[in-house]
PDB file of N, CA and C in Angstrom:
ATOM      1  N   MET A   1     141.173  36.195 153.896  1.00  0.00           N
ATOM      2  CA  MET A   1     142.312  37.073 154.023  1.00  0.00           C
ATOM      3  C   MET A   1     143.562  36.279 153.628  1.00  0.00           C
ATOM      4  N   ASN A   2     144.439  36.874 152.869  1.00  0.00           N
ATOM      5  CA  ASN A   2     145.671  36.232 152.413  1.00  0.00           C
ATOM      6  C   ASN A   2     146.679  36.155 153.538  1.00  0.00           C
ATOM      7  N   LYS A   3     147.349  35.035 153.535  1.00  0.00           N
ATOM      8  CA  LYS A   3     148.435  34.877 154.480  1.00  0.00           C
ATOM      9  C   LYS A   3     149.708  35.369 153.884  1.00  0.00           C
ATOM     10  N   PRO A   4     150.686  35.745 154.677  1.00  0.00           N
ATOM     11  CA  PRO A   4     151.979  36.210 154.133  1.00  0.00           C
ATOM     12  C   PRO A   4     152.624  35.144 153.258  1.00  0.00           C
ATOM     13  N   GLU A   5     152.466  33.851 153.621  1.00  0.00           N
ATOM     14  CA  GLU A   5     153.073  32.777 152.823  1.00  0.00           C
ATOM     15  C   GLU A   5     152.460  32.727 151.449  1.00  0.00           C
ATOM     16  N   ASP A   6     151.105  32.914 151.379  1.00  0.00           N
ATOM     17  CA  ASP A   6     150.446  32.932 150.071  1.00  0.00           C
ATOM     18  C   ASP A   6     150.902  34.087 149.200  1.00  0.00           C
ATOM     19  N   THR A   7     151.072  35.245 149.850  1.00  0.00           N
ATOM     20  CA  THR A   7     151.524  36.422 149.108  1.00  0.00           C
ATOM     21  C   THR A   7     152.937  36.219 148.587  1.00  0.00           C
ATOM     22  N   ASP A   8     153.833  35.662 149.427  1.00  0.00           N
ATOM     23  CA  ASP A   8     155.200  35.396 148.996  1.00  0.00           C
ATOM     24  C   ASP A   8     155.213  34.420 147.834  1.00  0.00           C
ATOM     25  N   ARG A   9     154.413  33.391 147.933  1.00  0.00           N
ATOM     26  CA  ARG A   9     154.337  32.385 146.875  1.00  0.00           C
ATOM     27  C   ARG A   9     153.841  32.980 145.572  1.00  0.00           C
ATOM     28  N   LEU A  10     152.791  33.842 145.660  1.00  0.00           N
ATOM     29  CA  LEU A  10     152.264  34.504 144.499  1.00  0.00           C
ATOM     30  C   LEU A  10     153.313  35.428 143.833  1.00  0.00           C
ATOM     31  N   LEU A  11     154.072  36.135 144.665  1.00  0.00           N
ATOM     32  CA  LEU A  11     155.149  37.022 144.121  1.00  0.00           C
ATOM     33  C   LEU A  11     156.201  36.217 143.425  1.00  0.00           C
ATOM     34  N   LYS A  12     156.579  35.068 144.003  1.00  0.00           N
ATOM     35  CA  LYS A  12     157.633  34.235 143.403  1.00  0.00           C
ATOM     36  C   LYS A  12     157.140  33.687 142.069  1.00  0.00           C
ATOM     37  N   MET A  13     155.898  33.249 142.033  1.00  0.00           N
ATOM     38  CA  MET A  13     155.330  32.668 140.783  1.00  0.00           C
ATOM     39  C   MET A  13     155.249  33.772 139.704  1.00  0.00           C
ATOM     40  N   SER A  14     154.821  34.970 140.065  1.00  0.00           N
ATOM     41  CA  SER A  14     154.703  36.069 139.145  1.00  0.00           C
ATOM     42  C   SER A  14     156.068  36.420 138.586  1.00  0.00           C
ATOM     43  N   LYS A  15     157.058  36.518 139.486  1.00  0.00           N
ATOM     44  CA  LYS A  15     158.369  36.871 139.052  1.00  0.00           C
ATOM     45  C   LYS A  15     158.965  35.795 138.106  1.00  0.00           C
ATOM     46  N   SER A  16     158.713  34.572 138.424  1.00  0.00           N
ATOM     47  CA  SER A  16     159.222  33.475 137.589  1.00  0.00           C
ATOM     48  C   SER A  16     158.578  33.518 136.205  1.00  0.00           C
ATOM     49  N   THR A  17     157.282  33.727 136.161  1.00  0.00           N
ATOM     50  CA  THR A  17     156.551  33.799 134.882  1.00  0.00           C
ATOM     51  C   THR A  17     157.059  34.975 134.040  1.00  0.00           C
ATOM     52  N   LEU A  18     157.231  36.135 134.662  1.00  0.00           N
ATOM     53  CA  LEU A  18     157.695  37.326 133.913  1.00  0.00           C
ATOM     54  C   LEU A  18     159.151  37.111 133.427  1.00  0.00           C
ATOM     55  N   ASN A  19     160.002  36.508 134.251  1.00  0.00           N
ATOM     56  CA  ASN A  19     161.369  36.229 133.790  1.00  0.00           C
ATOM     57  C   ASN A  19     161.396  35.266 132.595  1.00  0.00           C
ATOM     58  N   GLN A  20     160.499  34.261 132.627  1.00  0.00           N
ATOM     59  CA  GLN A  20     160.443  33.341 131.496  1.00  0.00           C
ATOM     60  C   GLN A  20     159.948  34.066 130.252  1.00  0.00           C
ATOM     61  N   ALA A  21     158.992  34.978 130.413  1.00  0.00           N
ATOM     62  CA  ALA A  21     158.492  35.721 129.262  1.00  0.00           C
ATOM     63  C   ALA A  21     159.561  36.598 128.659  1.00  0.00           C
ATOM     64  N   VAL A  22     160.409  37.206 129.491  1.00  0.00           N
ATOM     65  CA  VAL A  22     161.499  38.060 129.014  1.00  0.00           C
ATOM     66  C   VAL A  22     162.544  37.266 128.305  1.00  0.00           C
ATOM     67  N   ASP A  23     162.823  36.048 128.791  1.00  0.00           N
ATOM     68  CA  ASP A  23     163.844  35.225 128.159  1.00  0.00           C
ATOM     69  C   ASP A  23     163.444  34.832 126.749  1.00  0.00           C
ATOM     70  N   GLY A  24     162.144  34.817 126.449  1.00  0.00           N
ATOM     71  CA  GLY A  24     161.709  34.443 125.083  1.00  0.00           C
ATOM     72  C   GLY A  24     161.638  35.605 124.123  1.00  0.00           C
ATOM     73  N   LEU A  25     162.018  36.817 124.517  1.00  0.00           N
ATOM     74  CA  LEU A  25     161.936  37.977 123.622  1.00  0.00           C
ATOM     75  C   LEU A  25     163.159  38.051 122.734  1.00  0.00           C
ATOM     76  N   ASP A  26     162.992  38.562 121.530  1.00  0.00           N
ATOM     77  CA  ASP A  26     164.142  38.746 120.625  1.00  0.00           C
ATOM     78  C   ASP A  26     164.916  40.004 120.983  1.00  0.00           C
ATOM     79  N   ASP A  27     166.100  40.143 120.385  1.00  0.00           N
ATOM     80  CA  ASP A  27     167.000  41.236 120.741  1.00  0.00           C
ATOM     81  C   ASP A  27     166.412  42.634 120.395  1.00  0.00           C
ATOM     82  N   ALA A  28     165.719  42.707 119.288  1.00  0.00           N
ATOM     83  CA  ALA A  28     165.164  44.001 118.855  1.00  0.00           C
ATOM     84  C   ALA A  28     164.100  44.468 119.860  1.00  0.00           C
ATOM     85  N   THR A  29     163.301  43.561 120.329  1.00  0.00           N
ATOM     86  CA  THR A  29     162.267  43.925 121.310  1.00  0.00           C
ATOM     87  C   THR A  29     162.927  44.333 122.644  1.00  0.00           C
ATOM     88  N   LEU A  30     163.933  43.606 123.080  1.00  0.00           N
ATOM     89  CA  LEU A  30     164.652  43.957 124.302  1.00  0.00           C
ATOM     90  C   LEU A  30     165.302  45.307 124.189  1.00  0.00           C
ATOM     91  N   TRP A  31     165.873  45.609 123.001  1.00  0.00           N
ATOM     92  CA  TRP A  31     166.502  46.932 122.811  1.00  0.00           C
ATOM     93  C   TRP A  31     165.484  48.046 122.905  1.00  0.00           C
ATOM     94  N   ASP A  32     164.307  47.802 122.251  1.00  0.00           N
ATOM     95  CA  ASP A  32     163.219  48.809 122.307  1.00  0.00           C
ATOM     96  C   ASP A  32     162.728  49.030 123.739  1.00  0.00           C
ATOM     97  N   LEU A  33     162.620  47.949 124.499  1.00  0.00           N
ATOM     98  CA  LEU A  33     162.154  48.050 125.888  1.00  0.00           C
ATOM     99  C   LEU A  33     163.144  48.858 126.721  1.00  0.00           C
ATOM    100  N   ARG A  34     164.458  48.606 126.523  1.00  0.00           N
ATOM    101  CA  ARG A  34     165.470  49.331 127.258  1.00  0.00           C
ATOM    102  C   ARG A  34     165.419  50.816 126.894  1.00  0.00           C
ATOM    103  N   ARG A  35     165.274  51.112 125.598  1.00  0.00           N
ATOM    104  CA  ARG A  35     165.237  52.510 125.157  1.00  0.00           C
ATOM    105  C   ARG A  35     164.031  53.246 125.761  1.00  0.00           C
ATOM    106  N   VAL A  36     162.859  52.597 125.733  1.00  0.00           N
ATOM    107  CA  VAL A  36     161.658  53.233 126.290  1.00  0.00           C
ATOM    108  C   VAL A  36     161.802  53.424 127.762  1.00  0.00           C
ATOM    109  N   ARG A  37     162.412  52.464 128.470  1.00  0.00           N
ATOM    110  CA  ARG A  37     162.614  52.570 129.938  1.00  0.00           C
ATOM    111  C   ARG A  37     163.542  53.751 130.199  1.00  0.00           C
ATOM    112  N   ARG A  38     164.645  53.871 129.452  1.00  0.00           N
ATOM    113  CA  ARG A  38     165.604  54.928 129.670  1.00  0.00           C
ATOM    114  C   ARG A  38     164.933  56.298 129.413  1.00  0.00           C
ATOM    115  N   GLU A  39     164.133  56.376 128.393  1.00  0.00           N
ATOM    116  CA  GLU A  39     163.434  57.649 128.075  1.00  0.00           C
ATOM    117  C   GLU A  39     162.469  58.028 129.194  1.00  0.00           C
ATOM    118  N   ALA A  40     161.766  57.025 129.712  1.00  0.00           N
ATOM    119  CA  ALA A  40     160.825  57.267 130.800  1.00  0.00           C
ATOM    120  C   ALA A  40     161.542  57.734 132.072  1.00  0.00           C
ATOM    121  N   LEU A  41     162.694  57.144 132.342  1.00  0.00           N
ATOM    122  CA  LEU A  41     163.446  57.554 133.517  1.00  0.00           C
ATOM    123  C   LEU A  41     163.989  58.978 133.341  1.00  0.00           C
ATOM    124  N   LEU A  42     164.463  59.314 132.158  1.00  0.00           N
ATOM    125  CA  LEU A  42     164.987  60.647 131.919  1.00  0.00           C
ATOM    126  C   LEU A  42     163.886  61.688 131.891  1.00  0.00           C
ATOM    127  N   ALA A  43     162.679  61.310 131.503  1.00  0.00           N
ATOM    128  CA  ALA A  43     161.591  62.252 131.451  1.00  0.00           C
ATOM    129  C   ALA A  43     161.197  62.754 132.868  1.00  0.00           C
ATOM    130  N   GLY A  44     161.433  61.958 133.863  1.00  0.00           N
ATOM    131  CA  GLY A  44     161.101  62.358 135.231  1.00  0.00           C
ATOM    132  C   GLY A  44     162.085  63.336 135.825  1.00  0.00           C
ATOM    133  N   LYS A  45     163.286  63.439 135.265  1.00  0.00           N
ATOM    134  CA  LYS A  45     164.288  64.348 135.790  1.00  0.00           C
ATOM    135  C   LYS A  45     164.189  65.696 135.089  1.00  0.00           C
ATOM    136  N   PRO A  46     164.303  66.778 135.834  1.00  0.00           N
ATOM    137  CA  PRO A  46     164.248  68.089 135.165  1.00  0.00           C
ATOM    138  C   PRO A  46     165.557  68.311 134.373  1.00  0.00           C
ATOM    139  N   ALA A  47     165.412  69.000 133.263  1.00  0.00           N
ATOM    140  CA  ALA A  47     166.578  69.351 132.509  1.00  0.00           C
ATOM    141  C   ALA A  47     167.364  70.433 133.207  1.00  0.00           C
ATOM    142  N   VAL A  48     168.591  70.693 132.767  1.00  0.00           N
ATOM    143  CA  VAL A  48     169.444  71.669 133.411  1.00  0.00           C
ATOM    144  C   VAL A  48     168.804  73.042 133.367  1.00  0.00           C
ATOM    145  N   SER A  49     168.125  73.388 132.280  1.00  0.00           N
ATOM    146  CA  SER A  49     167.547  74.706 132.149  1.00  0.00           C
ATOM    147  C   SER A  49     166.269  74.838 133.003  1.00  0.00           C
ATOM    148  N   GLU A  50     165.692  73.717 133.436  1.00  0.00           N
ATOM    149  CA  GLU A  50     164.452  73.751 134.214  1.00  0.00           C
ATOM    150  C   GLU A  50     164.698  73.793 135.720  1.00  0.00           C
ATOM    151  N   LYS A  51     165.913  73.787 136.152  1.00  0.00           N
ATOM    152  CA  LYS A  51     166.204  73.859 137.583  1.00  0.00           C
ATOM    153  C   LYS A  51     165.808  75.178 138.148  1.00  0.00           C
ATOM    154  N   ARG A  52     165.410  75.184 139.405  1.00  0.00           N
ATOM    155  CA  ARG A  52     164.962  76.428 140.028  1.00  0.00           C
ATOM    156  C   ARG A  52     166.215  77.237 140.428  1.00  0.00           C
ATOM    157  N   PRO A  53     166.054  78.532 140.418  1.00  0.00           N
ATOM    158  CA  PRO A  53     167.178  79.381 140.849  1.00  0.00           C
ATOM    159  C   PRO A  53     167.496  79.155 142.309  1.00  0.00           C
ATOM    160  N   ALA A  54     168.761  79.343 142.685  1.00  0.00           N
ATOM    161  CA  ALA A  54     169.218  79.081 144.045  1.00  0.00           C
ATOM    162  C   ALA A  54     168.582  80.066 145.045  1.00  0.00           C
ATOM    163  N   TRP A  55     168.254  81.246 144.630  1.00  0.00           N
ATOM    164  CA  TRP A  55     167.713  82.249 145.571  1.00  0.00           C
ATOM    165  C   TRP A  55     166.246  82.022 145.893  1.00  0.00           C
ATOM    166  N   LEU A  56     165.591  81.148 145.166  1.00  0.00           N
ATOM    167  CA  LEU A  56     164.155  80.922 145.331  1.00  0.00           C
ATOM    168  C   LEU A  56     163.833  80.250 146.666  1.00  0.00           C
ATOM    169  N   LEU A  57     164.642  79.332 147.125  1.00  0.00           N
ATOM    170  CA  LEU A  57     164.361  78.657 148.382  1.00  0.00           C
ATOM    171  C   LEU A  57     164.447  79.625 149.620  1.00  0.00           C
ATOM    172  N   PRO A  58     165.499  80.439 149.783  1.00  0.00           N
ATOM    173  CA  PRO A  58     165.480  81.369 150.912  1.00  0.00           C
ATOM    174  C   PRO A  58     164.334  82.411 150.840  1.00  0.00           C
ATOM    175  N   VAL A  59     164.012  82.890 149.626  1.00  0.00           N
ATOM    176  CA  VAL A  59     162.935  83.856 149.507  1.00  0.00           C
ATOM    177  C   VAL A  59     161.613  83.206 149.879  1.00  0.00           C
ATOM    178  N   GLY A  60     161.399  81.983 149.455  1.00  0.00           N
ATOM    179  CA  GLY A  60     160.152  81.295 149.783  1.00  0.00           C
ATOM    180  C   GLY A  60     160.074  81.049 151.275  1.00  0.00           C
ATOM    181  N   GLY A  61     161.181  80.702 151.915  1.00  0.00           N
ATOM    182  CA  GLY A  61     161.197  80.480 153.367  1.00  0.00           C
ATOM    183  C   GLY A  61     160.921  81.792 154.109  1.00  0.00           C
ATOM    184  N   LEU A  62     161.496  82.885 153.646  1.00  0.00           N
ATOM    185  CA  LEU A  62     161.264  84.198 154.220  1.00  0.00           C
ATOM    186  C   LEU A  62     159.779  84.602 154.078  1.00  0.00           C
ATOM    187  N   ALA A  63     159.182  84.377 152.935  1.00  0.00           N
ATOM    188  CA  ALA A  63     157.795  84.702 152.736  1.00  0.00           C
ATOM    189  C   ALA A  63     156.861  83.891 153.656  1.00  0.00           C
ATOM    190  N   THR A  64     157.196  82.630 153.801  1.00  0.00           N
ATOM    191  CA  THR A  64     156.431  81.777 154.707  1.00  0.00           C
ATOM    192  C   THR A  64     156.544  82.239 156.159  1.00  0.00           C
ATOM    193  N   ALA A  65     157.738  82.573 156.593  1.00  0.00           N
ATOM    194  CA  ALA A  65     157.957  83.058 157.951  1.00  0.00           C
ATOM    195  C   ALA A  65     157.233  84.392 158.173  1.00  0.00           C
ATOM    196  N   ALA A  66     157.238  85.263 157.185  1.00  0.00           N
ATOM    197  CA  ALA A  66     156.544  86.548 157.343  1.00  0.00           C
ATOM    198  C   ALA A  66     155.035  86.319 157.424  1.00  0.00           C
ATOM    199  N   THR A  67     154.523  85.416 156.641  1.00  0.00           N
ATOM    200  CA  THR A  67     153.081  85.104 156.681  1.00  0.00           C
ATOM    201  C   THR A  67     152.668  84.547 158.032  1.00  0.00           C
ATOM    202  N   VAL A  68     153.457  83.645 158.565  1.00  0.00           N
ATOM    203  CA  VAL A  68     153.180  83.079 159.885  1.00  0.00           C
ATOM    204  C   VAL A  68     153.231  84.155 160.968  1.00  0.00           C
ATOM    205  N   ALA A  69     154.231  85.047 160.865  1.00  0.00           N
ATOM    206  CA  ALA A  69     154.343  86.112 161.849  1.00  0.00           C
ATOM    207  C   ALA A  69     153.140  87.056 161.786  1.00  0.00           C
ATOM    208  N   VAL A  70     152.693  87.417 160.618  1.00  0.00           N
ATOM    209  CA  VAL A  70     151.529  88.311 160.478  1.00  0.00           C
ATOM    210  C   VAL A  70     150.261  87.648 161.047  1.00  0.00           C
ATOM    211  N   LEU A  71     150.063  86.395 160.733  1.00  0.00           N
ATOM    212  CA  LEU A  71     148.904  85.668 161.235  1.00  0.00           C
ATOM    213  C   LEU A  71     148.951  85.540 162.749  1.00  0.00           C
ATOM    214  N   THR A  72     150.135  85.276 163.306  1.00  0.00           N
ATOM    215  CA  THR A  72     150.254  85.112 164.745  1.00  0.00           C
ATOM    216  C   THR A  72     149.973  86.418 165.468  1.00  0.00           C
ATOM    217  N   VAL A  73     150.470  87.511 164.964  1.00  0.00           N
ATOM    218  CA  VAL A  73     150.279  88.817 165.593  1.00  0.00           C
ATOM    219  C   VAL A  73     148.822  89.219 165.447  1.00  0.00           C
ATOM    220  N   SER A  74     148.220  89.015 164.292  1.00  0.00           N
ATOM    221  CA  SER A  74     146.812  89.395 164.108  1.00  0.00           C
ATOM    222  C   SER A  74     145.878  88.577 164.991  1.00  0.00           C
ATOM    223  N   LEU A  75     146.143  87.299 165.163  1.00  0.00           N
ATOM    224  CA  LEU A  75     145.309  86.481 166.035  1.00  0.00           C
ATOM    225  C   LEU A  75     145.568  86.834 167.511  1.00  0.00           C
ATOM    226  N   TRP A  76     146.740  87.215 167.841  1.00  0.00           N
ATOM    227  CA  TRP A  76     147.074  87.558 169.216  1.00  0.00           C
ATOM    228  C   TRP A  76     146.450  88.905 169.642  1.00  0.00           C
ATOM    229  N   LEU A  77     146.413  89.873 168.725  1.00  0.00           N
ATOM    230  CA  LEU A  77     145.929  91.179 169.052  1.00  0.00           C
ATOM    231  C   LEU A  77     144.398  91.319 168.848  1.00  0.00           C
ATOM    232  N   THR A  78     143.770  90.426 168.106  1.00  0.00           N
ATOM    233  CA  THR A  78     142.340  90.513 167.883  1.00  0.00           C
ATOM    234  C   THR A  78     141.591  89.909 169.033  1.00  0.00           C
ATOM    235  N   PRO A  79     140.724  90.695 169.712  1.00  0.00           N
ATOM    236  CA  PRO A  79     139.939  90.127 170.838  1.00  0.00           C
ATOM    237  C   PRO A  79     138.864  89.162 170.314  1.00  0.00           C
ATOM    238  N   PRO A  80     138.523  88.161 171.140  1.00  0.00           N
ATOM    239  CA  PRO A  80     137.460  87.244 170.694  1.00  0.00           C
ATOM    240  C   PRO A  80     136.127  87.974 170.582  1.00  0.00           C
ATOM    241  N   GLU A  81     135.316  87.595 169.599  1.00  0.00           N
ATOM    242  CA  GLU A  81     134.061  88.230 169.370  1.00  0.00           C
ATOM    243  C   GLU A  81     132.989  87.777 170.315  1.00  0.00           C
ATOM    244  N   HIS A  82     133.126  86.613 170.891  1.00  0.00           N
ATOM    245  CA  HIS A  82     132.108  86.092 171.819  1.00  0.00           C
ATOM    246  C   HIS A  82     132.826  85.208 172.845  1.00  0.00           C
ATOM    247  N   ASP A  83     132.083  84.971 173.923  1.00  0.00           N
ATOM    248  CA  ASP A  83     132.661  84.175 175.019  1.00  0.00           C
ATOM    249  C   ASP A  83     132.444  82.673 174.701  1.00  0.00           C
ATOM    250  N   LEU A  84     133.528  81.937 174.562  1.00  0.00           N
ATOM    251  CA  LEU A  84     133.425  80.530 174.256  1.00  0.00           C
ATOM    252  C   LEU A  84     132.954  79.706 175.446  1.00  0.00           C
ATOM    253  N   GLY A  85     133.106  80.220 176.655  1.00  0.00           N
ATOM    254  CA  GLY A  85     132.720  79.484 177.812  1.00  0.00           C
ATOM    255  C   GLY A  85     131.238  79.228 177.890  1.00  0.00           C
ATOM    256  N   THR A  86     130.410  80.086 177.329  1.00  0.00           N
ATOM    257  CA  THR A  86     128.968  79.937 177.378  1.00  0.00           C
ATOM    258  C   THR A  86     128.505  78.942 176.312  1.00  0.00           C
ATOM    259  N   GLN A  87     129.306  78.718 175.304  1.00  0.00           N
ATOM    260  CA  GLN A  87     128.873  77.820 174.226  1.00  0.00           C
ATOM    261  C   GLN A  87     129.290  76.382 174.450  1.00  0.00           C
ATOM    262  N   LEU A  88     130.278  76.155 175.249  1.00  0.00           N
ATOM    263  CA  LEU A  88     130.751  74.781 175.474  1.00  0.00           C
ATOM    264  C   LEU A  88     129.825  74.070 176.452  1.00  0.00           C
ATOM    265  N   PRO A  89     129.468  72.831 176.195  1.00  0.00           N
ATOM    266  CA  PRO A  89     128.629  72.109 177.107  1.00  0.00           C
ATOM    267  C   PRO A  89     129.396  71.755 178.399  1.00  0.00           C
ATOM    268  N   PRO A  90     128.688  71.685 179.495  1.00  0.00           N
ATOM    269  CA  PRO A  90     129.360  71.278 180.730  1.00  0.00           C
ATOM    270  C   PRO A  90     129.928  69.847 180.577  1.00  0.00           C
ATOM    271  N   LEU A  91     130.895  69.558 181.403  1.00  0.00           N
ATOM    272  CA  LEU A  91     131.552  68.215 181.341  1.00  0.00           C
ATOM    273  C   LEU A  91     130.587  67.138 181.669  1.00  0.00           C
ATOM    274  N   GLU A  92     129.581  67.419 182.508  1.00  0.00           N
ATOM    275  CA  GLU A  92     128.601  66.384 182.845  1.00  0.00           C
ATOM    276  C   GLU A  92     127.809  65.943 181.611  1.00  0.00           C
ATOM    277  N   ASP A  93     127.462  66.953 180.770  1.00  0.00           N
ATOM    278  CA  ASP A  93     126.749  66.629 179.532  1.00  0.00           C
ATOM    279  C   ASP A  93     127.599  65.775 178.596  1.00  0.00           C
ATOM    280  N   LEU A  94     128.871  66.059 178.548  1.00  0.00           N
ATOM    281  CA  LEU A  94     129.760  65.286 177.670  1.00  0.00           C
ATOM    282  C   LEU A  94     129.839  63.864 178.166  1.00  0.00           C
ATOM    283  N   ALA A  95     129.876  63.680 179.495  1.00  0.00           N
ATOM    284  CA  ALA A  95     129.912  62.327 180.089  1.00  0.00           C
ATOM    285  C   ALA A  95     128.631  61.559 179.749  1.00  0.00           C
ATOM    286  N   LEU A  96     127.474  62.274 179.758  1.00  0.00           N
ATOM    287  CA  LEU A  96     126.196  61.613 179.417  1.00  0.00           C
ATOM    288  C   LEU A  96     126.205  61.156 177.970  1.00  0.00           C
ATOM    289  N   LEU A  97     126.750  62.000 177.081  1.00  0.00           N
ATOM    290  CA  LEU A  97     126.775  61.639 175.664  1.00  0.00           C
ATOM    291  C   LEU A  97     127.660  60.435 175.400  1.00  0.00           C
ATOM    292  N   GLY A  98     128.710  60.279 176.154  1.00  0.00           N
ATOM    293  CA  GLY A  98     129.610  59.161 175.939  1.00  0.00           C
ATOM    294  C   GLY A  98     129.157  57.885 176.637  1.00  0.00           C
ATOM    295  N   ASP A  99     128.175  57.944 177.506  1.00  0.00           N
ATOM    296  CA  ASP A  99     127.711  56.801 178.215  1.00  0.00           C
ATOM    297  C   ASP A  99     126.661  56.043 177.420  1.00  0.00           C
ATOM    298  N   ALA A 100     126.830  54.765 177.242  1.00  0.00           N
ATOM    299  CA  ALA A 100     125.924  53.943 176.463  1.00  0.00           C
ATOM    300  C   ALA A 100     124.563  53.814 177.130  1.00  0.00           C
ATOM    301  N   GLU A 101     124.516  53.798 178.485  1.00  0.00           N
ATOM    302  CA  GLU A 101     123.254  53.655 179.164  1.00  0.00           C
ATOM    303  C   GLU A 101     122.381  54.919 179.026  1.00  0.00           C
ATOM    304  N   SER A 102     123.006  56.042 178.828  1.00  0.00           N
ATOM    305  CA  SER A 102     122.223  57.292 178.691  1.00  0.00           C
ATOM    306  C   SER A 102     121.505  57.414 177.363  1.00  0.00           C
ATOM    307  N   LEU A 103     121.773  56.483 176.449  1.00  0.00           N
ATOM    308  CA  LEU A 103     121.084  56.552 175.156  1.00  0.00           C
ATOM    309  C   LEU A 103     119.569  56.299 175.324  1.00  0.00           C
ATOM    310  N   GLU A 104     119.188  55.595 176.369  1.00  0.00           N
ATOM    311  CA  GLU A 104     117.760  55.359 176.631  1.00  0.00           C
ATOM    312  C   GLU A 104     117.053  56.711 176.868  1.00  0.00           C
ATOM    313  N   PHE A 105     117.777  57.631 177.515  1.00  0.00           N
ATOM    314  CA  PHE A 105     117.187  58.928 177.766  1.00  0.00           C
ATOM    315  C   PHE A 105     116.860  59.628 176.430  1.00  0.00           C
ATOM    316  N   TYR A 106     117.744  59.554 175.450  1.00  0.00           N
ATOM    317  CA  TYR A 106     117.525  60.229 174.184  1.00  0.00           C
ATOM    318  C   TYR A 106     116.460  59.511 173.363  1.00  0.00           C
ATOM    319  N   GLU A 107     116.312  58.209 173.584  1.00  0.00           N
ATOM    320  CA  GLU A 107     115.242  57.484 172.863  1.00  0.00           C
ATOM    321  C   GLU A 107     113.852  57.946 173.340  1.00  0.00           C
ATOM    322  N   GLU A 108     113.752  58.348 174.626  1.00  0.00           N
ATOM    323  CA  GLU A 108     112.477  58.765 175.216  1.00  0.00           C
ATOM    324  C   GLU A 108     112.441  60.290 175.357  1.00  0.00           C
ATOM    325  N   LEU A 109     113.184  61.021 174.554  1.00  0.00           N
ATOM    326  CA  LEU A 109     113.283  62.467 174.704  1.00  0.00           C
ATOM    327  C   LEU A 109     111.945  63.155 174.463  1.00  0.00           C
ATOM    328  N   ASP A 110     111.167  62.662 173.522  1.00  0.00           N
ATOM    329  CA  ASP A 110     109.856  63.307 173.291  1.00  0.00           C
ATOM    330  C   ASP A 110     108.953  63.215 174.539  1.00  0.00           C
ATOM    331  N   PHE A 111     109.022  62.125 175.215  1.00  0.00           N
ATOM    332  CA  PHE A 111     108.233  61.936 176.424  1.00  0.00           C
ATOM    333  C   PHE A 111     108.682  62.956 177.484  1.00  0.00           C
ATOM    334  N   TYR A 112     109.952  63.083 177.677  1.00  0.00           N
ATOM    335  CA  TYR A 112     110.488  64.038 178.700  1.00  0.00           C
ATOM    336  C   TYR A 112     110.136  65.465 178.319  1.00  0.00           C
ATOM    337  N   LEU A 113     110.172  65.820 177.052  1.00  0.00           N
ATOM    338  CA  LEU A 113     109.792  67.172 176.629  1.00  0.00           C
ATOM    339  C   LEU A 113     108.293  67.421 176.892  1.00  0.00           C
ATOM    340  N   TRP A 114     107.467  66.418 176.627  1.00  0.00           N
ATOM    341  CA  TRP A 114     106.024  66.559 176.890  1.00  0.00           C
ATOM    342  C   TRP A 114     105.771  66.729 178.381  1.00  0.00           C
ATOM    343  N   LEU A 115     106.494  65.904 179.178  1.00  0.00           N
ATOM    344  CA  LEU A 115     106.358  65.973 180.628  1.00  0.00           C
ATOM    345  C   LEU A 115     106.781  67.340 181.154  1.00  0.00           C
ATOM    346  N   ASP A 116     107.831  67.939 180.619  1.00  0.00           N
ATOM    347  CA  ASP A 116     108.269  69.253 181.003  1.00  0.00           C
ATOM    348  C   ASP A 116     107.230  70.309 180.666  1.00  0.00           C
ATOM    349  N   ASP A 117     106.621  70.184 179.450  1.00  0.00           N
ATOM    350  CA  ASP A 117     105.558  71.143 179.063  1.00  0.00           C
ATOM    351  C   ASP A 117     104.376  71.018 180.039  1.00  0.00           C
ATOM    352  N   GLU A 118     103.989  69.811 180.443  1.00  0.00           N
ATOM    353  CA  GLU A 118     102.850  69.604 181.338  1.00  0.00           C
ATOM    354  C   GLU A 118     103.186  70.236 182.721  1.00  0.00           C
ATOM    355  N   ASN A 119     104.392  70.071 183.193  1.00  0.00           N
ATOM    356  CA  ASN A 119     104.774  70.656 184.477  1.00  0.00           C
ATOM    357  C   ASN A 119     104.750  72.177 184.429  1.00  0.00           C
ATOM    358  N   GLU A 120     105.131  72.743 183.283  1.00  0.00           N
ATOM    359  CA  GLU A 120     105.130  74.220 183.141  1.00  0.00           C
ATOM    360  C   GLU A 120     103.673  74.724 183.098  1.00  0.00           C
ATOM    361  N   GLN A 121     102.766  73.949 182.436  1.00  0.00           N
ATOM    362  CA  GLN A 121     101.403  74.365 182.377  1.00  0.00           C
ATOM    363  C   GLN A 121     100.704  74.320 183.760  1.00  0.00           C
ATOM    364  N   GLU A 122     101.044  73.305 184.531  1.00  0.00           N
ATOM    365  CA  GLU A 122     100.458  73.212 185.872  1.00  0.00           C
ATOM    366  C   GLU A 122     101.022  74.293 186.808  1.00  0.00           C
ATOM    367  N   ALA A 123     102.290  74.644 186.639  1.00  0.00           N
ATOM    368  CA  ALA A 123     102.886  75.681 187.473  1.00  0.00           C
ATOM    369  C   ALA A 123     102.402  77.058 187.029  1.00  0.00           C
ATOM    370  N   GLY A 124     102.131  77.262 185.817  1.00  0.00           N
ATOM    371  CA  GLY A 124     101.818  78.602 185.267  1.00  0.00           C
ATOM    372  C   GLY A 124     100.401  78.822 185.092  1.00  0.00           C
TER     373      GLY A 124
END
């Protein structure tokens, strides 16, 4: 793992090497680099004709608010299709699943299922 001192030293060495390389460039190359950099920076900015209309932001906000309101009302008025209480495991089962010692139970689950079948056959 790199230490912060090593990272700082690497950054300083890289910066120094790059600065020395730039010092050795001729004027025509430096001018071309500046021009390309300026063009790249301007390409990221939208032109005046590409700006969004001022009314678009409030309309978009209103559409979002209306969508949220419709979803909220529809979820609030729609009754649940099934009872979630019967599908959720009891808290005791969740505690067993989180306990590392109870993993032995699941490793021997086939045995316990066989034993349960045997008990049912004897009772029935």
